[in-house]
Protein backbone atom coordinates (compact mmCIF):
# COMPACT_ATOMS: atom_id res chain seq x y z
CA UNK A 1 59.37 -5.70 -18.55
CA UNK A 2 56.32 -4.83 -20.33
CA UNK A 3 56.56 -7.68 -22.82
CA UNK A 4 57.31 -10.26 -20.09
CA UNK A 5 54.21 -9.15 -17.99
CA UNK A 6 52.06 -9.47 -21.03
CA UNK A 7 53.28 -12.96 -21.70
CA UNK A 8 52.64 -13.87 -18.09
CA UNK A 9 48.93 -12.72 -18.26
CA UNK A 10 48.39 -14.62 -21.48
CA UNK A 11 49.88 -17.78 -19.97
CA UNK A 12 47.64 -17.41 -16.91
CA UNK A 13 44.50 -16.95 -19.07
CA UNK A 14 45.39 -19.92 -21.16
CA UNK A 15 45.78 -22.05 -17.99
CA UNK A 16 42.41 -20.76 -16.76
CA UNK A 17 40.66 -21.85 -20.06
CA UNK A 18 42.37 -25.25 -19.95
CA UNK A 19 41.25 -25.75 -16.39
CA UNK A 20 37.61 -24.72 -17.24
CA UNK A 21 37.65 -27.04 -20.19
CA UNK A 22 38.74 -29.88 -18.03
CA UNK A 23 35.77 -29.50 -15.64
CA UNK A 24 32.90 -31.89 -16.23
CA UNK A 25 29.73 -30.50 -17.67
CA UNK A 26 26.83 -30.27 -15.25
CA UNK A 27 23.62 -31.60 -16.85
CA UNK A 28 20.51 -29.36 -16.50
CA UNK A 29 17.44 -31.49 -16.55
CA UNK A 30 13.84 -30.40 -16.52
CA UNK A 31 11.69 -32.58 -14.27
CA UNK A 32 8.50 -34.17 -15.44
CA UNK A 33 5.37 -32.29 -14.35
CA UNK A 34 3.86 -35.63 -13.10
CA UNK A 35 6.87 -36.33 -10.87
CA UNK A 36 5.13 -37.08 -7.55
CA UNK A 37 8.24 -35.98 -5.55
CA UNK A 38 7.73 -32.35 -6.70
CA UNK A 39 3.98 -32.36 -7.76
CA UNK A 40 1.84 -34.72 -5.72
CA UNK A 41 -1.58 -35.14 -7.25
CA UNK A 42 -1.15 -32.80 -10.16
CA UNK A 43 -4.05 -30.83 -11.59
CA UNK A 44 -3.36 -29.29 -14.98
CA UNK A 45 -4.64 -25.79 -15.61
CA UNK A 46 -4.09 -23.62 -18.77
CA UNK A 47 -4.82 -20.12 -19.96
CA UNK A 48 -4.27 -16.50 -19.02
CA UNK A 49 -0.73 -15.37 -18.33
CA UNK A 50 -2.09 -12.23 -16.57
CA UNK A 51 -3.51 -14.13 -13.67
CA UNK A 52 -0.53 -16.46 -13.17
CA UNK A 53 1.09 -14.35 -10.28
CA UNK A 54 -2.26 -14.92 -8.35
CA UNK A 55 -2.56 -18.56 -9.28
CA UNK A 56 1.03 -19.04 -8.29
CA UNK A 57 0.52 -18.01 -4.68
CA UNK A 58 -2.86 -19.76 -4.36
CA UNK A 59 -1.29 -22.92 -5.77
CA UNK A 60 1.47 -22.96 -3.06
CA UNK A 61 -1.24 -22.74 -0.36
CA UNK A 62 -3.24 -25.56 -2.01
CA UNK A 63 -0.22 -27.76 -2.15
CA UNK A 64 0.63 -27.02 1.47
CA UNK A 65 -2.88 -27.53 2.87
CA UNK A 66 -4.55 -29.95 0.44
CA UNK A 67 -1.63 -31.86 -1.03
CA UNK A 68 -2.80 -31.10 -4.60
CA UNK A 69 -0.33 -29.57 -7.08
CA UNK A 70 -1.46 -27.03 -9.70
CA UNK A 71 0.56 -27.28 -12.87
CA UNK A 72 -0.04 -24.19 -15.07
CA UNK A 73 0.48 -23.62 -18.77
CA UNK A 74 0.26 -19.86 -19.48
CA UNK A 75 -0.83 -20.06 -23.20
CA UNK A 76 -3.42 -17.11 -23.34
CA UNK A 77 -7.00 -16.76 -22.30
CA UNK A 78 -8.77 -18.01 -25.36
CA UNK A 79 -6.29 -20.95 -25.81
CA UNK A 80 -7.16 -21.84 -22.19
CA UNK A 81 -10.78 -22.01 -23.14
CA UNK A 82 -9.95 -24.23 -26.15
CA UNK A 83 -7.90 -26.55 -23.89
CA UNK A 84 -11.05 -27.63 -22.25
CA UNK A 85 -13.59 -27.32 -25.04
CA UNK A 86 -11.62 -28.95 -27.89
CA UNK A 87 -11.29 -32.74 -27.43
CA UNK A 88 -8.23 -32.81 -29.66
CA UNK A 89 -6.38 -29.91 -27.90
CA UNK A 90 -3.46 -31.24 -25.83
CA UNK A 91 -0.86 -29.34 -23.75
CA UNK A 92 2.61 -29.71 -25.03
CA UNK A 93 6.16 -28.65 -24.10
CA UNK A 94 6.68 -27.23 -20.73
CA UNK A 95 4.46 -25.81 -18.01
CA UNK A 96 4.95 -24.10 -14.57
CA UNK A 97 4.82 -25.62 -11.17
CA UNK A 98 5.12 -23.80 -7.88
CA UNK A 99 7.21 -24.53 -4.79
CA UNK A 100 7.93 -22.87 -1.47
CA UNK A 101 11.46 -22.61 -0.37
CA UNK A 102 12.79 -22.86 3.15
CA UNK A 103 12.35 -19.12 3.71
CA UNK A 104 8.72 -19.24 2.64
CA UNK A 105 9.15 -17.69 -0.82
CA UNK A 106 7.06 -19.16 -3.52
CA UNK A 107 9.01 -19.87 -6.71
CA UNK A 108 7.92 -20.62 -10.28
CA UNK A 109 9.64 -23.56 -11.82
CA UNK A 110 9.57 -25.25 -15.25
CA UNK A 111 8.57 -28.86 -15.82
CA UNK A 112 8.04 -31.07 -18.92
CA UNK A 113 4.45 -31.96 -19.72
CA UNK A 114 3.63 -35.65 -20.14
CA UNK A 115 2.50 -36.71 -23.64
CA UNK A 116 -1.20 -35.99 -24.46
CA UNK A 117 -1.83 -33.92 -21.35
CA UNK A 118 -5.33 -32.43 -21.15
CA UNK A 119 -6.13 -29.40 -19.08
CA UNK A 120 -8.79 -30.07 -16.35
CA UNK A 121 -9.47 -26.35 -15.91
CA UNK A 122 -9.19 -23.50 -18.47
CA UNK A 123 -8.55 -20.00 -17.20
CA UNK A 124 -9.62 -16.88 -19.03
CA UNK A 125 -9.57 -13.12 -18.43
CA UNK A 126 -12.62 -12.79 -20.61
CA UNK A 127 -16.11 -14.29 -20.98
CA UNK A 128 -16.61 -17.37 -23.11
CA UNK A 129 -18.26 -15.44 -25.93
CA UNK A 130 -15.30 -13.10 -26.28
CA UNK A 131 -13.19 -16.00 -27.65
CA UNK A 132 -13.69 -17.66 -31.08
CA UNK A 133 -16.14 -18.79 -32.29
CA UNK A 134 -17.84 -16.09 -30.14
CA UNK A 135 -20.76 -18.33 -29.35
CA UNK A 136 -22.83 -18.81 -26.10
CA UNK A 137 -21.54 -21.06 -23.38
CA UNK A 138 -22.35 -24.69 -24.29
CA UNK A 139 -24.26 -26.92 -21.84
CA UNK A 140 -21.24 -29.28 -21.71
CA UNK A 141 -19.08 -26.61 -20.12
CA UNK A 142 -19.21 -25.04 -16.64
CA UNK A 143 -18.06 -21.50 -15.80
CA UNK A 144 -17.16 -19.94 -12.45
CA UNK A 145 -16.00 -16.34 -11.86
CA UNK A 146 -13.13 -15.50 -9.55
CA UNK A 147 -11.20 -12.35 -8.68
CA UNK A 148 -11.71 -9.19 -10.65
CA UNK A 149 -8.71 -8.07 -12.80
CA UNK A 150 -8.02 -4.65 -14.33
CA UNK A 151 -6.05 -4.15 -17.47
CA UNK A 152 -3.77 -1.09 -17.73
CA UNK A 153 -2.17 1.10 -20.23
CA UNK A 154 1.55 1.29 -19.10
CA UNK A 155 4.66 3.29 -20.06
CA UNK A 156 8.29 3.11 -18.88
CA UNK A 157 9.03 4.71 -15.52
CA UNK A 158 11.04 7.48 -17.14
CA UNK A 159 7.96 8.71 -18.96
CA UNK A 160 6.35 11.05 -16.41
CA UNK A 161 4.38 13.20 -18.87
CA UNK A 162 1.93 10.52 -20.14
CA UNK A 163 -0.40 10.23 -17.18
CA UNK A 164 -3.86 10.04 -18.70
CA UNK A 165 -5.48 8.97 -21.82
CA UNK A 166 -8.95 8.74 -23.45
CA UNK A 167 -10.41 5.76 -25.24
CA UNK A 168 -10.27 7.85 -28.40
CA UNK A 169 -6.56 8.40 -27.97
CA UNK A 170 -5.93 4.77 -27.21
CA UNK A 171 -7.96 3.74 -30.34
CA UNK A 172 -5.82 6.05 -32.40
CA UNK A 173 -2.60 4.46 -31.09
CA UNK A 174 -3.47 0.73 -31.34
CA UNK A 175 -5.90 1.08 -34.23
CA UNK A 176 -3.96 3.48 -36.45
CA UNK A 177 -0.36 3.56 -35.39
CA UNK A 178 1.52 6.41 -37.09
CA UNK A 179 -1.57 7.59 -38.85
CA UNK A 180 -3.22 8.13 -35.44
CA UNK A 181 -0.78 11.03 -34.89
CA UNK A 182 -0.78 10.44 -31.14
CA UNK A 183 2.67 11.81 -30.46
CA UNK A 184 4.98 10.40 -29.23
CA UNK A 185 3.37 7.04 -29.85
CA UNK A 186 3.66 6.76 -33.54
CA UNK A 187 6.32 4.01 -33.97
CA UNK A 188 4.61 0.68 -34.47
CA UNK A 189 7.60 -1.19 -33.17
CA UNK A 190 7.49 0.85 -29.89
CA UNK A 191 3.77 0.21 -29.42
CA UNK A 192 3.33 -3.03 -27.66
CA UNK A 193 0.39 -5.43 -27.96
CA UNK A 194 -0.27 -8.97 -26.90
CA UNK A 195 -2.25 -11.15 -29.28
CA UNK A 196 -5.86 -11.60 -30.49
CA UNK A 197 -6.26 -14.60 -28.09
CA UNK A 198 -5.00 -12.59 -25.10
CA UNK A 199 -7.60 -11.69 -22.46
CA UNK A 200 -5.69 -8.49 -21.73
CA UNK A 201 -5.87 -7.40 -25.38
CA UNK A 202 -9.57 -8.40 -25.69
CA UNK A 203 -10.59 -6.43 -22.61
CA UNK A 204 -8.65 -3.38 -23.86
CA UNK A 205 -10.22 -3.82 -27.31
CA UNK A 206 -13.72 -3.77 -25.91
CA UNK A 207 -12.94 -0.48 -24.02
CA UNK A 208 -11.31 1.45 -26.90
CA UNK A 209 -13.45 0.03 -29.78
CA UNK A 210 -10.66 -1.54 -31.82
CA UNK A 211 -11.09 -5.24 -32.73
CA UNK A 212 -8.43 -7.34 -30.97
CA UNK A 213 -7.44 -8.79 -34.27
CA UNK A 214 -6.74 -5.33 -35.71
CA UNK A 215 -4.26 -4.04 -33.14
CA UNK A 216 -1.07 -2.34 -34.43
CA UNK A 217 2.26 -2.89 -32.67
CA UNK A 218 4.85 -5.47 -31.70
CA UNK A 219 3.16 -8.70 -30.67
CA UNK A 220 4.19 -10.40 -27.42
CA UNK A 221 3.53 -13.90 -26.21
CA UNK A 222 3.15 -13.12 -22.56
CA UNK A 223 2.92 -10.35 -20.05
CA UNK A 224 6.65 -10.69 -19.11
CA UNK A 225 7.58 -10.69 -22.81
CA UNK A 226 5.65 -7.47 -23.31
CA UNK A 227 7.38 -5.82 -20.41
CA UNK A 228 10.78 -6.88 -21.77
CA UNK A 229 9.94 -5.64 -25.26
CA UNK A 230 8.53 -2.34 -23.85
CA UNK A 231 11.60 -1.59 -21.72
CA UNK A 232 13.86 -2.48 -24.66
CA UNK A 233 12.60 0.36 -26.84
CA UNK A 234 15.54 2.68 -27.70
CA UNK A 235 13.48 5.84 -27.00
CA UNK A 236 11.46 5.03 -23.93
CA UNK A 237 9.31 8.08 -24.42
CA UNK A 238 7.74 6.39 -27.48
CA UNK A 239 7.02 3.02 -25.71
CA UNK A 240 3.58 2.06 -24.68
CA UNK A 241 1.84 -1.21 -23.78
CA UNK A 242 -0.90 -3.06 -22.01
CA UNK A 243 -0.70 -5.19 -18.93
CA UNK A 244 -2.81 -6.68 -16.24
CA UNK A 245 -2.75 -4.84 -12.90
CA UNK A 246 -1.64 -7.93 -11.01
CA UNK A 247 1.47 -8.14 -13.22
CA UNK A 248 2.02 -4.35 -13.10
CA UNK A 249 1.90 -4.15 -9.34
CA UNK A 250 5.05 -6.29 -9.12
CA UNK A 251 6.82 -3.99 -11.68
CA UNK A 252 5.96 -0.47 -10.37
CA UNK A 253 9.64 0.28 -10.10
CA UNK A 254 10.01 0.01 -13.85
CA UNK A 255 6.61 1.08 -15.16
CA UNK A 256 3.95 3.74 -14.81
CA UNK A 257 0.20 3.12 -15.39
CA UNK A 258 -1.81 5.65 -17.32
CA UNK A 259 -5.29 6.83 -16.12
CA UNK A 260 -8.06 5.90 -18.59
CA UNK A 261 -11.14 7.83 -19.64
CA UNK A 262 -13.84 5.41 -20.99
CA UNK A 263 -16.80 6.03 -23.22
CA UNK A 264 -19.24 8.45 -21.50
CA UNK A 265 -16.74 9.50 -18.83
CA UNK A 266 -15.69 13.13 -18.34
CA UNK A 267 -12.36 12.39 -16.80
CA UNK A 268 -9.71 9.62 -16.66
CA UNK A 269 -9.35 7.29 -13.67
CA UNK A 270 -6.51 5.08 -12.35
CA UNK A 271 -7.42 1.58 -11.34
CA UNK A 272 -6.36 2.82 -7.81
CA UNK A 273 -7.48 6.00 -6.13
CA UNK A 274 -4.30 7.71 -7.51
CA UNK A 275 -1.06 6.84 -9.32
CA UNK A 276 0.73 5.59 -6.29
CA UNK A 277 -2.12 3.87 -4.40
CA UNK A 278 -2.68 0.07 -4.49
CA UNK A 279 -6.32 0.11 -3.11
CA UNK A 280 -8.18 -0.66 -6.44
CA UNK A 281 -10.83 1.79 -5.28
CA UNK A 282 -11.79 2.77 -8.79
CA UNK A 283 -12.12 -0.91 -9.84
CA UNK A 284 -14.32 -1.73 -6.97
CA UNK A 285 -16.76 1.04 -7.60
CA UNK A 286 -16.76 0.92 -11.43
CA UNK A 287 -14.97 4.20 -12.19
CA UNK A 288 -12.12 2.31 -13.89
CA UNK A 289 -13.79 0.54 -16.84
CA UNK A 290 -11.16 -1.94 -18.25
CA UNK A 291 -12.04 -4.71 -15.71
CA UNK A 292 -13.66 -8.04 -15.40
CA UNK A 293 -13.64 -11.25 -13.45
CA UNK A 294 -11.23 -14.17 -14.09
CA UNK A 295 -13.19 -17.11 -15.53
CA UNK A 296 -12.65 -20.76 -14.79
CA UNK A 297 -13.96 -23.36 -17.16
CA UNK A 298 -14.21 -27.21 -16.89
CA UNK A 299 -16.11 -29.94 -18.76
CA UNK A 300 -19.32 -31.16 -17.23
CA UNK A 301 -20.73 -34.61 -17.11
CA UNK A 302 -24.47 -34.90 -16.60
CA UNK A 303 -24.30 -31.20 -15.72
CA UNK A 304 -21.64 -31.58 -13.07
CA UNK A 305 -17.83 -30.98 -12.89
CA UNK A 306 -15.45 -33.63 -11.65
CA UNK A 307 -15.08 -33.68 -7.86
CA UNK A 308 -11.42 -32.60 -8.15
CA UNK A 309 -12.25 -29.68 -10.68
CA UNK A 310 -14.97 -28.42 -8.37
CA UNK A 311 -12.69 -28.42 -5.30
CA UNK A 312 -9.86 -26.58 -7.07
CA UNK A 313 -12.26 -24.03 -8.58
CA UNK A 314 -13.81 -23.35 -5.19
CA UNK A 315 -10.36 -22.68 -3.84
CA UNK A 316 -9.17 -20.34 -6.50
CA UNK A 317 -12.47 -18.40 -6.77
CA UNK A 318 -12.71 -17.98 -2.98
CA UNK A 319 -15.91 -19.97 -2.69
CA UNK A 320 -14.23 -22.30 -0.14
CA UNK A 321 -11.16 -21.66 2.16
CA UNK A 322 -8.11 -23.51 1.19
CA UNK A 323 -7.31 -23.95 4.90
CA UNK A 324 -10.46 -25.31 6.53
CA UNK A 325 -9.40 -23.62 9.75
CA UNK A 326 -9.67 -20.28 8.08
CA UNK A 327 -13.46 -20.13 8.24
CA UNK A 328 -13.64 -16.44 7.08
CA UNK A 329 -11.28 -17.22 4.18
CA UNK A 330 -9.16 -14.17 5.11
CA UNK A 331 -5.91 -15.68 3.80
CA UNK A 332 -7.52 -15.88 0.33
CA UNK A 333 -8.71 -12.24 0.50
CA UNK A 334 -5.27 -11.07 1.70
CA UNK A 335 -3.51 -13.01 -1.00
CA UNK A 336 -5.65 -11.65 -3.82
CA UNK A 337 -5.44 -8.12 -2.38
CA UNK A 338 -1.63 -8.33 -2.19
CA UNK A 339 -1.34 -9.23 -5.93
CA UNK A 340 -3.39 -6.41 -7.45
CA UNK A 341 -6.73 -8.19 -7.91
CA UNK A 342 -10.06 -7.79 -6.12
CA UNK A 343 -11.95 -10.79 -4.62
CA UNK A 344 -15.67 -10.94 -5.53
CA UNK A 345 -16.64 -10.24 -1.87
CA UNK A 346 -15.00 -6.73 -2.02
CA UNK A 347 -16.61 -5.57 -5.29
CA UNK A 348 -19.48 -3.02 -5.42
CA UNK A 349 -20.20 -3.49 -9.17
CA UNK A 350 -20.29 -6.26 -11.79
CA UNK A 351 -20.54 -6.80 -15.50
CA UNK A 352 -22.19 -9.60 -17.52
CA UNK A 353 -20.00 -9.22 -20.66
CA UNK A 354 -16.61 -7.78 -21.61
CA UNK A 355 -16.97 -4.06 -22.10
CA UNK A 356 -20.54 -4.21 -20.68
CA UNK A 357 -22.32 -1.73 -18.39
CA UNK A 358 -21.90 -1.97 -14.71
CA UNK A 359 -24.66 -3.00 -12.29
CA UNK A 360 -24.63 -3.02 -8.42
CA UNK A 361 -22.95 -6.11 -6.89
CA UNK A 362 -24.27 -7.62 -3.70
CA UNK A 363 -21.81 -10.44 -2.70
CA UNK A 364 -23.28 -13.27 -0.60
CA UNK A 365 -20.41 -12.53 1.82
CA UNK A 366 -19.03 -9.01 1.90
CA UNK A 367 -15.37 -8.33 2.80
CA UNK A 368 -14.97 -4.67 1.88
CA UNK A 369 -13.58 -3.57 5.18
CA UNK A 370 -11.19 -6.49 5.50
CA UNK A 371 -10.04 -6.10 1.98
CA UNK A 372 -9.35 -2.36 2.59
CA UNK A 373 -7.35 -3.12 5.62
CA UNK A 374 -5.35 -5.97 3.89
CA UNK A 375 -4.63 -4.14 0.63
CA UNK A 376 -3.40 -0.95 2.40
CA UNK A 377 -1.52 -2.88 5.04
CA UNK A 378 -3.25 -0.88 7.82
CA UNK A 379 -2.61 -1.66 11.49
CA UNK A 380 -5.76 0.09 12.56
CA UNK A 381 -9.43 -0.55 11.37
CA UNK A 382 -10.30 1.36 8.19
CA UNK A 383 -12.26 4.59 8.50
CA UNK A 384 -15.99 3.86 8.83
CA UNK A 385 -15.50 0.24 9.49
CA UNK A 386 -16.80 -1.34 12.74
CA UNK A 387 -14.92 -4.50 14.00
CA UNK A 388 -17.04 -7.30 15.34
CA UNK A 389 -17.03 -10.87 16.56
CA UNK A 390 -20.68 -11.51 16.20
CA UNK A 391 -23.66 -9.97 14.30
CA UNK A 392 -25.27 -9.00 17.66
CA UNK A 393 -22.96 -5.95 17.85
CA UNK A 394 -23.77 -4.69 14.33
CA UNK A 395 -26.47 -2.18 13.63
CA UNK A 396 -28.27 -0.80 10.63
CA UNK A 397 -29.10 -4.22 9.16
CA UNK A 398 -25.44 -5.16 8.93
CA UNK A 399 -24.01 -8.52 9.95
CA UNK A 400 -20.55 -9.54 11.11
CA UNK A 401 -18.57 -10.76 8.04
CA UNK A 402 -14.76 -11.33 7.93
CA UNK A 403 -14.46 -9.46 11.26
CA UNK A 404 -16.43 -6.38 10.38
CA UNK A 405 -20.02 -5.22 10.28
CA UNK A 406 -20.92 -5.21 6.59
């Protein structure tokens, strides 16, 4: 009986394989990025992988409201700068385009770049002079600043003992590896880095005093690749890496951020008010020091960008609302807030170089109260914020901005 049953199972499996083999193969094709049916009026952008989650959501809104499609090539910050400054630099291979499905979910999809594609807009986490050849911004290139990002030191979720770190400890880990003797972070294969052209790595480098070209650890081509490598370390207690807050915020179930004590500080700070918050309070007021604005670059002709480049840059920096009916640009503020970044209008400090000192920020339009309500998903007005519909109801020299006296 046993032998007969065994033969029956084998025969059934053989039939299954034969049936599967007889099925026709389904070809998987990657569409062209300039296919007008999926990307009407494509605009090519290239650069930071850290900011792509934010670009993705804004791109979906731009496509829906303006019928312009952003095609994004996440190649790293400094390569993004090169893509618009080097006349011989062309985008090759594949890029990402963004679509909204029937349920309203925005998806990232792959498309094949046309031959000799040039980026119209380069995107960088860092200032122009932080990228090779580390020279001042040329007159032929325009720069605009967008949302403020923060870069984090992260560990796997199971590591609940590493909660804070000084710049000296971080320098010992990424600058010295095993010789740094920062137990348990002594295995260079478990220490994760990006690359010398990565904005994330450059910003961390400026904060810890280790050149971005001298980092020790496993190199990773993107934020997602770093997360995969980090979580793949056999002993998770020895794994440590660096990621942008906008990427980290979508991965909090897998990762923990580490509070950071910068040069001259007496304690360590999270980017948020605490380990579980999402308010970016310490970014906004300058207590968290590994931060800086996203930079958008495009070529200038007679001192001016192309009309298309200017429109897109205005939308992604928040200078102009994507939806013209949204006069206060609250959709932009809410989108940026939900993705772990801070719009310029909610900042209280600013820097003029990577790793530089903070100075007070006075935005042309302030949105601090609206940002606080949006990022914390509050149903009531934030404490200390006075709602308004016109400036006539505001006191103390404040005016009505984004629905609050600011």
